[in-house]
Amino acid sequence: GYTTTSEIMIEPGASRMLQSAIKARRNPL
């Protein structure tokens, strides 16, 4: 039932990679 959440421990330097993974598929969050 969540609509907003946090990734509160992105590995150092991995923010762009995580964004690419999120954008690569439908993201309802």
Full PDB file with SEQRES, HELIX, SHEET, SSBOND, CRYST1, ORIGX, SCALE, CONECT and MASTER records, all heavy atoms in Angstrom:
SEQRES   1 A   29  GLY TYR THR THR THR SER GLU ILE MET ILE GLU PRO GLY          
SEQRES   2 A   29  ALA SER ARG MET LEU GLN SER ALA ILE LYS ALA ARG ARG          
SEQRES   3 A   29  ASN PRO LEU                                                  
HELIX    1 AA1 SER A   15  LYS A   23  1                                   9    
CRYST1    1.000    1.000    1.000  90.00  90.00  90.00 P 1           1          
ORIGX1      1.000000  0.000000  0.000000        0.00000                         
ORIGX2      0.000000  1.000000  0.000000        0.00000                         
ORIGX3      0.000000  0.000000  1.000000        0.00000                         
SCALE1      1.000000  0.000000  0.000000        0.00000                         
SCALE2      0.000000  1.000000  0.000000        0.00000                         
SCALE3      0.000000  0.000000  1.000000        0.00000                         
ATOM      1  N   GLY A   1       0.768  -1.232   0.000  1.00  0.00           N  
ATOM      2  CA  GLY A   1       0.000   0.000   0.000  1.00  0.00           C  
ATOM      3  C   GLY A   1       0.798   1.280   0.000  1.00  0.00           C  
ATOM      4  O   GLY A   1       0.231   2.370   0.129  1.00  0.00           O  
ATOM      5  N   TYR A   2       2.105   1.197  -0.181  1.00  0.00           N  
ATOM      6  CA  TYR A   2       2.930   2.407  -0.180  1.00  0.00           C  
ATOM      7  C   TYR A   2       2.867   3.101  -1.541  1.00  0.00           C  
ATOM      8  O   TYR A   2       2.823   2.448  -2.578  1.00  0.00           O  
ATOM      9  CB  TYR A   2       4.390   2.051   0.111  1.00  0.00           C  
ATOM     10  CG  TYR A   2       4.655   1.600   1.529  1.00  0.00           C  
ATOM     11  CD1 TYR A   2       4.466   0.273   1.902  1.00  0.00           C  
ATOM     12  CD2 TYR A   2       5.121   2.492   2.490  1.00  0.00           C  
ATOM     13  CE1 TYR A   2       4.728  -0.148   3.201  1.00  0.00           C  
ATOM     14  CE2 TYR A   2       5.377   2.087   3.784  1.00  0.00           C  
ATOM     15  CZ  TYR A   2       5.179   0.760   4.141  1.00  0.00           C  
ATOM     16  OH  TYR A   2       5.422   0.343   5.418  1.00  0.00           O  
ATOM     17  N   THR A   3       2.902   4.431  -1.503  1.00  0.00           N  
ATOM     18  CA  THR A   3       3.002   5.215  -2.726  1.00  0.00           C  
ATOM     19  C   THR A   3       4.320   5.995  -2.786  1.00  0.00           C  
ATOM     20  O   THR A   3       4.739   6.419  -3.854  1.00  0.00           O  
ATOM     21  CB  THR A   3       1.835   6.211  -2.846  1.00  0.00           C  
ATOM     22  OG1 THR A   3       1.846   7.088  -1.713  1.00  0.00           O  
ATOM     23  CG2 THR A   3       0.506   5.470  -2.920  1.00  0.00           C  
ATOM     24  N   THR A   4       4.936   6.223  -1.645  1.00  0.00           N  
ATOM     25  CA  THR A   4       6.227   6.904  -1.554  1.00  0.00           C  
ATOM     26  C   THR A   4       7.115   6.139  -0.587  1.00  0.00           C  
ATOM     27  O   THR A   4       6.640   5.684   0.458  1.00  0.00           O  
ATOM     28  CB  THR A   4       6.064   8.354  -1.055  1.00  0.00           C  
ATOM     29  OG1 THR A   4       5.202   9.059  -1.929  1.00  0.00           O  
ATOM     30  CG2 THR A   4       7.410   9.068  -0.963  1.00  0.00           C  
ATOM     31  N   THR A   5       8.369   5.996  -0.927  1.00  0.00           N  
ATOM     32  CA  THR A   5       9.303   5.325  -0.032  1.00  0.00           C  
ATOM     33  C   THR A   5      10.686   5.939  -0.209  1.00  0.00           C  
ATOM     34  O   THR A   5      10.883   6.845  -1.018  1.00  0.00           O  
ATOM     35  CB  THR A   5       9.351   3.809  -0.302  1.00  0.00           C  
ATOM     36  OG1 THR A   5      10.150   3.179   0.723  1.00  0.00           O  
ATOM     37  CG2 THR A   5       9.930   3.494  -1.666  1.00  0.00           C  
ATOM     38  N   SER A   6      11.625   5.475   0.583  1.00  0.00           N  
ATOM     39  CA  SER A   6      12.991   5.988   0.476  1.00  0.00           C  
ATOM     40  C   SER A   6      13.973   4.841   0.349  1.00  0.00           C  
ATOM     41  O   SER A   6      13.784   3.780   0.942  1.00  0.00           O  
ATOM     42  CB  SER A   6      13.352   6.851   1.691  1.00  0.00           C  
ATOM     43  OG  SER A   6      13.256   6.104   2.880  1.00  0.00           O  
ATOM     44  N   GLU A   7      14.993   5.069  -0.448  1.00  0.00           N  
ATOM     45  CA  GLU A   7      16.160   4.182  -0.463  1.00  0.00           C  
ATOM     46  C   GLU A   7      17.220   4.930   0.332  1.00  0.00           C  
ATOM     47  O   GLU A   7      17.858   5.856  -0.173  1.00  0.00           O  
ATOM     48  CB  GLU A   7      16.618   3.902  -1.891  1.00  0.00           C  
ATOM     49  CG  GLU A   7      17.890   3.091  -1.973  1.00  0.00           C  
ATOM     50  CD  GLU A   7      17.871   1.883  -1.064  1.00  0.00           C  
ATOM     51  OE1 GLU A   7      17.126   0.932  -1.348  1.00  0.00           O  
ATOM     52  OE2 GLU A   7      18.604   1.899  -0.053  1.00  0.00           O  
ATOM     53  N   ILE A   8      17.373   4.529   1.574  1.00  0.00           N  
ATOM     54  CA  ILE A   8      18.124   5.355   2.510  1.00  0.00           C  
ATOM     55  C   ILE A   8      19.576   4.933   2.646  1.00  0.00           C  
ATOM     56  O   ILE A   8      20.315   5.466   3.468  1.00  0.00           O  
ATOM     57  CB  ILE A   8      17.414   5.388   3.876  1.00  0.00           C  
ATOM     58  CG1 ILE A   8      17.826   6.632   4.676  1.00  0.00           C  
ATOM     59  CG2 ILE A   8      17.663   4.121   4.652  1.00  0.00           C  
ATOM     60  CD1 ILE A   8      16.713   7.230   5.443  1.00  0.00           C  
ATOM     61  N   MET A   9      20.018   4.013   1.801  1.00  0.00           N  
ATOM     62  CA  MET A   9      21.435   3.653   1.819  1.00  0.00           C  
ATOM     63  C   MET A   9      21.885   3.285   0.407  1.00  0.00           C  
ATOM     64  O   MET A   9      22.284   2.160   0.136  1.00  0.00           O  
ATOM     65  CB  MET A   9      21.716   2.502   2.792  1.00  0.00           C  
ATOM     66  CG  MET A   9      23.190   2.405   3.165  1.00  0.00           C  
ATOM     67  SD  MET A   9      23.543   1.096   4.360  1.00  0.00           S  
ATOM     68  CE  MET A   9      23.455  -0.358   3.294  1.00  0.00           C  
ATOM     69  N   ILE A  10      21.830   4.256  -0.488  1.00  0.00           N  
ATOM     70  CA  ILE A  10      22.371   4.037  -1.825  1.00  0.00           C  
ATOM     71  C   ILE A  10      23.879   3.904  -1.707  1.00  0.00           C  
ATOM     72  O   ILE A  10      24.540   4.723  -1.064  1.00  0.00           O  
ATOM     73  CB  ILE A  10      22.013   5.211  -2.756  1.00  0.00           C  
ATOM     74  CG1 ILE A  10      20.494   5.386  -2.851  1.00  0.00           C  
ATOM     75  CG2 ILE A  10      22.614   5.008  -4.139  1.00  0.00           C  
ATOM     76  CD1 ILE A  10      20.070   6.643  -3.572  1.00  0.00           C  
ATOM     77  N   GLU A  11      24.426   2.880  -2.295  1.00  0.00           N  
ATOM     78  CA  GLU A  11      25.873   2.687  -2.223  1.00  0.00           C  
ATOM     79  C   GLU A  11      26.597   3.889  -2.827  1.00  0.00           C  
ATOM     80  O   GLU A  11      26.107   4.511  -3.778  1.00  0.00           O  
ATOM     81  CB  GLU A  11      26.282   1.421  -2.965  1.00  0.00           C  
ATOM     82  CG  GLU A  11      25.904   0.139  -2.242  1.00  0.00           C  
ATOM     83  CD  GLU A  11      26.563   0.042  -0.886  1.00  0.00           C  
ATOM     84  OE1 GLU A  11      27.795   0.240  -0.794  1.00  0.00           O  
ATOM     85  OE2 GLU A  11      25.842  -0.211   0.102  1.00  0.00           O  
ATOM     86  N   PRO A  12      27.757   4.254  -2.284  1.00  0.00           N  
ATOM     87  CA  PRO A  12      28.476   5.419  -2.809  1.00  0.00           C  
ATOM     88  C   PRO A  12      28.683   5.333  -4.322  1.00  0.00           C  
ATOM     89  O   PRO A  12      29.163   4.326  -4.845  1.00  0.00           O  
ATOM     90  CB  PRO A  12      29.817   5.355  -2.068  1.00  0.00           C  
ATOM     91  CG  PRO A  12      29.519   4.642  -0.790  1.00  0.00           C  
ATOM     92  CD  PRO A  12      28.469   3.630  -1.140  1.00  0.00           C  
ATOM     93  N   GLY A  13      28.262   6.358  -5.022  1.00  0.00           N  
ATOM     94  CA  GLY A  13      28.454   6.420  -6.467  1.00  0.00           C  
ATOM     95  C   GLY A  13      27.402   5.719  -7.295  1.00  0.00           C  
ATOM     96  O   GLY A  13      27.484   5.732  -8.528  1.00  0.00           O  
ATOM     97  N   ALA A  14      26.393   5.114  -6.656  1.00  0.00           N  
ATOM     98  CA  ALA A  14      25.431   4.290  -7.394  1.00  0.00           C  
ATOM     99  C   ALA A  14      24.127   5.013  -7.727  1.00  0.00           C  
ATOM    100  O   ALA A  14      23.207   4.386  -8.256  1.00  0.00           O  
ATOM    101  CB  ALA A  14      25.128   3.015  -6.607  1.00  0.00           C  
ATOM    102  N   SER A  15      24.025   6.293  -7.453  1.00  0.00           N  
ATOM    103  CA  SER A  15      22.746   6.989  -7.642  1.00  0.00           C  
ATOM    104  C   SER A  15      22.301   7.003  -9.099  1.00  0.00           C  
ATOM    105  O   SER A  15      21.119   6.774  -9.407  1.00  0.00           O  
ATOM    106  CB  SER A  15      22.842   8.420  -7.115  1.00  0.00           C  
ATOM    107  OG  SER A  15      22.979   8.424  -5.714  1.00  0.00           O  
ATOM    108  N   ARG A  16      23.221   7.249 -10.021  1.00  0.00           N  
ATOM    109  CA  ARG A  16      22.835   7.282 -11.440  1.00  0.00           C  
ATOM    110  C   ARG A  16      22.441   5.896 -11.932  1.00  0.00           C  
ATOM    111  O   ARG A  16      21.501   5.748 -12.724  1.00  0.00           O  
ATOM    112  CB  ARG A  16      23.979   7.854 -12.282  1.00  0.00           C  
ATOM    113  CG  ARG A  16      24.267   9.320 -11.998  1.00  0.00           C  
ATOM    114  CD  ARG A  16      25.369   9.873 -12.890  1.00  0.00           C  
ATOM    115  NE  ARG A  16      25.777  11.202 -12.484  1.00  0.00           N  
ATOM    116  CZ  ARG A  16      25.155  12.329 -12.816  1.00  0.00           C  
ATOM    117  NH1 ARG A  16      24.100  12.261 -13.619  1.00  0.00           N  
ATOM    118  NH2 ARG A  16      25.593  13.497 -12.394  1.00  0.00           N  
ATOM    119  N   MET A  17      23.143   4.887 -11.483  1.00  0.00           N  
ATOM    120  CA  MET A  17      22.802   3.514 -11.872  1.00  0.00           C  
ATOM    121  C   MET A  17      21.413   3.142 -11.356  1.00  0.00           C  
ATOM    122  O   MET A  17      20.611   2.523 -12.066  1.00  0.00           O  
ATOM    123  CB  MET A  17      23.840   2.540 -11.330  1.00  0.00           C  
ATOM    124  CG  MET A  17      23.579   1.088 -11.697  1.00  0.00           C  
ATOM    125  SD  MET A  17      24.865  -0.018 -11.073  1.00  0.00           S  
ATOM    126  CE  MET A  17      24.599   0.107  -9.300  1.00  0.00           C  
ATOM    127  N   LEU A  18      21.106   3.543 -10.104  1.00  0.00           N  
ATOM    128  CA  LEU A  18      19.790   3.250  -9.553  1.00  0.00           C  
ATOM    129  C   LEU A  18      18.708   3.991 -10.324  1.00  0.00           C  
ATOM    130  O   LEU A  18      17.644   3.428 -10.614  1.00  0.00           O  
ATOM    131  CB  LEU A  18      19.752   3.629  -8.072  1.00  0.00           C  
ATOM    132  CG  LEU A  18      18.445   3.354  -7.335  1.00  0.00           C  
ATOM    133  CD1 LEU A  18      18.050   1.881  -7.438  1.00  0.00           C  
ATOM    134  CD2 LEU A  18      18.564   3.759  -5.863  1.00  0.00           C  
ATOM    135  N   GLN A  19      18.966   5.232 -10.687  1.00  0.00           N  
ATOM    136  CA  GLN A  19      17.989   5.965 -11.488  1.00  0.00           C  
ATOM    137  C   GLN A  19      17.723   5.262 -12.819  1.00  0.00           C  
ATOM    138  O   GLN A  19      16.572   5.129 -13.245  1.00  0.00           O  
ATOM    139  CB  GLN A  19      18.462   7.393 -11.741  1.00  0.00           C  
ATOM    140  CG  GLN A  19      17.409   8.218 -12.475  1.00  0.00           C  
ATOM    141  CD  GLN A  19      17.987   9.431 -13.160  1.00  0.00           C  
ATOM    142  OE1 GLN A  19      19.049   9.350 -13.790  1.00  0.00           O  
ATOM    143  NE2 GLN A  19      17.288  10.560 -13.065  1.00  0.00           N  
ATOM    144  N   SER A  20      18.775   4.771 -13.462  1.00  0.00           N  
ATOM    145  CA  SER A  20      18.611   4.075 -14.741  1.00  0.00           C  
ATOM    146  C   SER A  20      17.770   2.816 -14.565  1.00  0.00           C  
ATOM    147  O   SER A  20      16.913   2.511 -15.406  1.00  0.00           O  
ATOM    148  CB  SER A  20      19.982   3.713 -15.319  1.00  0.00           C  
ATOM    149  OG  SER A  20      20.720   4.878 -15.628  1.00  0.00           O  
ATOM    150  N   ALA A  21      18.004   2.082 -13.470  1.00  0.00           N  
ATOM    151  CA  ALA A  21      17.228   0.866 -13.216  1.00  0.00           C  
ATOM    152  C   ALA A  21      15.760   1.195 -12.975  1.00  0.00           C  
ATOM    153  O   ALA A  21      14.860   0.493 -13.450  1.00  0.00           O  
ATOM    154  CB  ALA A  21      17.812   0.123 -12.016  1.00  0.00           C  
ATOM    155  N   ILE A  22      15.503   2.286 -12.245  1.00  0.00           N  
ATOM    156  CA  ILE A  22      14.128   2.692 -11.978  1.00  0.00           C  
ATOM    157  C   ILE A  22      13.428   3.124 -13.259  1.00  0.00           C  
ATOM    158  O   ILE A  22      12.263   2.779 -13.507  1.00  0.00           O  
ATOM    159  CB  ILE A  22      14.115   3.824 -10.930  1.00  0.00           C  
ATOM    160  CG1 ILE A  22      14.535   3.262  -9.552  1.00  0.00           C  
ATOM    161  CG2 ILE A  22      12.739   4.477 -10.839  1.00  0.00           C  
ATOM    162  CD1 ILE A  22      14.827   4.332  -8.526  1.00  0.00           C  
ATOM    163  N   LYS A  23      14.133   3.844 -14.114  1.00  0.00           N  
ATOM    164  CA  LYS A  23      13.539   4.343 -15.355  1.00  0.00           C  
ATOM    165  C   LYS A  23      13.352   3.246 -16.403  1.00  0.00           C  
ATOM    166  O   LYS A  23      12.600   3.417 -17.366  1.00  0.00           O  
ATOM    167  CB  LYS A  23      14.425   5.448 -15.940  1.00  0.00           C  
ATOM    168  CG  LYS A  23      14.411   6.734 -15.135  1.00  0.00           C  
ATOM    169  CD  LYS A  23      13.049   7.400 -15.171  1.00  0.00           C  
ATOM    170  CE  LYS A  23      13.071   8.766 -14.547  1.00  0.00           C  
ATOM    171  NZ  LYS A  23      11.716   9.403 -14.571  1.00  0.00           N  
ATOM    172  N   ALA A  24      14.010   2.109 -16.219  1.00  0.00           N  
ATOM    173  CA  ALA A  24      13.963   1.053 -17.225  1.00  0.00           C  
ATOM    174  C   ALA A  24      12.666   0.252 -17.176  1.00  0.00           C  
ATOM    175  O   ALA A  24      12.423  -0.568 -18.063  1.00  0.00           O  
ATOM    176  CB  ALA A  24      15.150   0.110 -17.039  1.00  0.00           C  
ATOM    177  N   ARG A  25      11.856   0.461 -16.166  1.00  0.00           N  
ATOM    178  CA  ARG A  25      10.600  -0.286 -16.052  1.00  0.00           C  
ATOM    179  C   ARG A  25       9.538   0.624 -15.450  1.00  0.00           C  
ATOM    180  O   ARG A  25       9.843   1.698 -14.948  1.00  0.00           O  
ATOM    181  CB  ARG A  25      10.795  -1.515 -15.179  1.00  0.00           C  
ATOM    182  CG  ARG A  25      11.164  -1.202 -13.724  1.00  0.00           C  
ATOM    183  CD  ARG A  25      11.418  -2.456 -12.921  1.00  0.00           C  
ATOM    184  NE  ARG A  25      12.658  -3.092 -13.359  1.00  0.00           N  
ATOM    185  CZ  ARG A  25      13.076  -4.261 -12.880  1.00  0.00           C  
ATOM    186  NH1 ARG A  25      12.352  -4.923 -12.002  1.00  0.00           N  
ATOM    187  NH2 ARG A  25      14.215  -4.773 -13.295  1.00  0.00           N  
ATOM    188  N   ARG A  26       8.311   0.181 -15.495  1.00  0.00           N  
ATOM    189  CA  ARG A  26       7.226   0.958 -14.898  1.00  0.00           C  
ATOM    190  C   ARG A  26       7.459   1.073 -13.398  1.00  0.00           C  
ATOM    191  O   ARG A  26       7.704   0.083 -12.715  1.00  0.00           O  
ATOM    192  CB  ARG A  26       5.880   0.285 -15.182  1.00  0.00           C  
ATOM    193  CG  ARG A  26       4.691   1.013 -14.581  1.00  0.00           C  
ATOM    194  CD  ARG A  26       3.382   0.366 -14.964  1.00  0.00           C  
ATOM    195  NE  ARG A  26       2.258   0.984 -14.276  1.00  0.00           N  
ATOM    196  CZ  ARG A  26       1.805   0.592 -13.095  1.00  0.00           C  
ATOM    197  NH1 ARG A  26       2.368  -0.452 -12.481  1.00  0.00           N  
ATOM    198  NH2 ARG A  26       0.785   1.202 -12.511  1.00  0.00           N  
ATOM    199  N   ASN A  27       7.367   2.288 -12.893  1.00  0.00           N  
ATOM    200  CA  ASN A  27       7.628   2.518 -11.474  1.00  0.00           C  
ATOM    201  C   ASN A  27       6.422   3.204 -10.834  1.00  0.00           C  
ATOM    202  O   ASN A  27       6.198   4.399 -11.051  1.00  0.00           O  
ATOM    203  CB  ASN A  27       8.877   3.392 -11.305  1.00  0.00           C  
ATOM    204  CG  ASN A  27       9.081   3.786  -9.860  1.00  0.00           C  
ATOM    205  OD1 ASN A  27       8.832   2.998  -8.957  1.00  0.00           O  
ATOM    206  ND2 ASN A  27       9.506   5.021  -9.632  1.00  0.00           N  
ATOM    207  N   PRO A  28       5.637   2.489 -10.033  1.00  0.00           N  
ATOM    208  CA  PRO A  28       4.457   3.089  -9.411  1.00  0.00           C  
ATOM    209  C   PRO A  28       4.757   3.798  -8.086  1.00  0.00           C  
ATOM    210  O   PRO A  28       3.835   4.231  -7.410  1.00  0.00           O  
ATOM    211  CB  PRO A  28       3.558   1.873  -9.171  1.00  0.00           C  
ATOM    212  CG  PRO A  28       4.505   0.758  -8.960  1.00  0.00           C  
ATOM    213  CD  PRO A  28       5.726   1.039  -9.778  1.00  0.00           C  
ATOM    214  N   LEU A  29       6.036   3.913  -7.723  1.00  0.00           N  
ATOM    215  CA  LEU A  29       6.414   4.543  -6.464  1.00  0.00           C  
ATOM    216  C   LEU A  29       7.171   5.846  -6.695  1.00  0.00           C  
ATOM    217  O   LEU A  29       7.925   5.963  -7.649  1.00  0.00           O  
ATOM    218  CB  LEU A  29       7.340   3.623  -5.656  1.00  0.00           C  
ATOM    219  CG  LEU A  29       6.768   2.391  -4.993  1.00  0.00           C  
ATOM    220  CD1 LEU A  29       7.915   1.576  -4.394  1.00  0.00           C  
ATOM    221  CD2 LEU A  29       5.764   2.758  -3.916  1.00  0.00           C  
TER     222      LEU A  29                                                      
MASTER        0    0    0    1    0    0    0    6  221    1    0    3          
END                                                                             
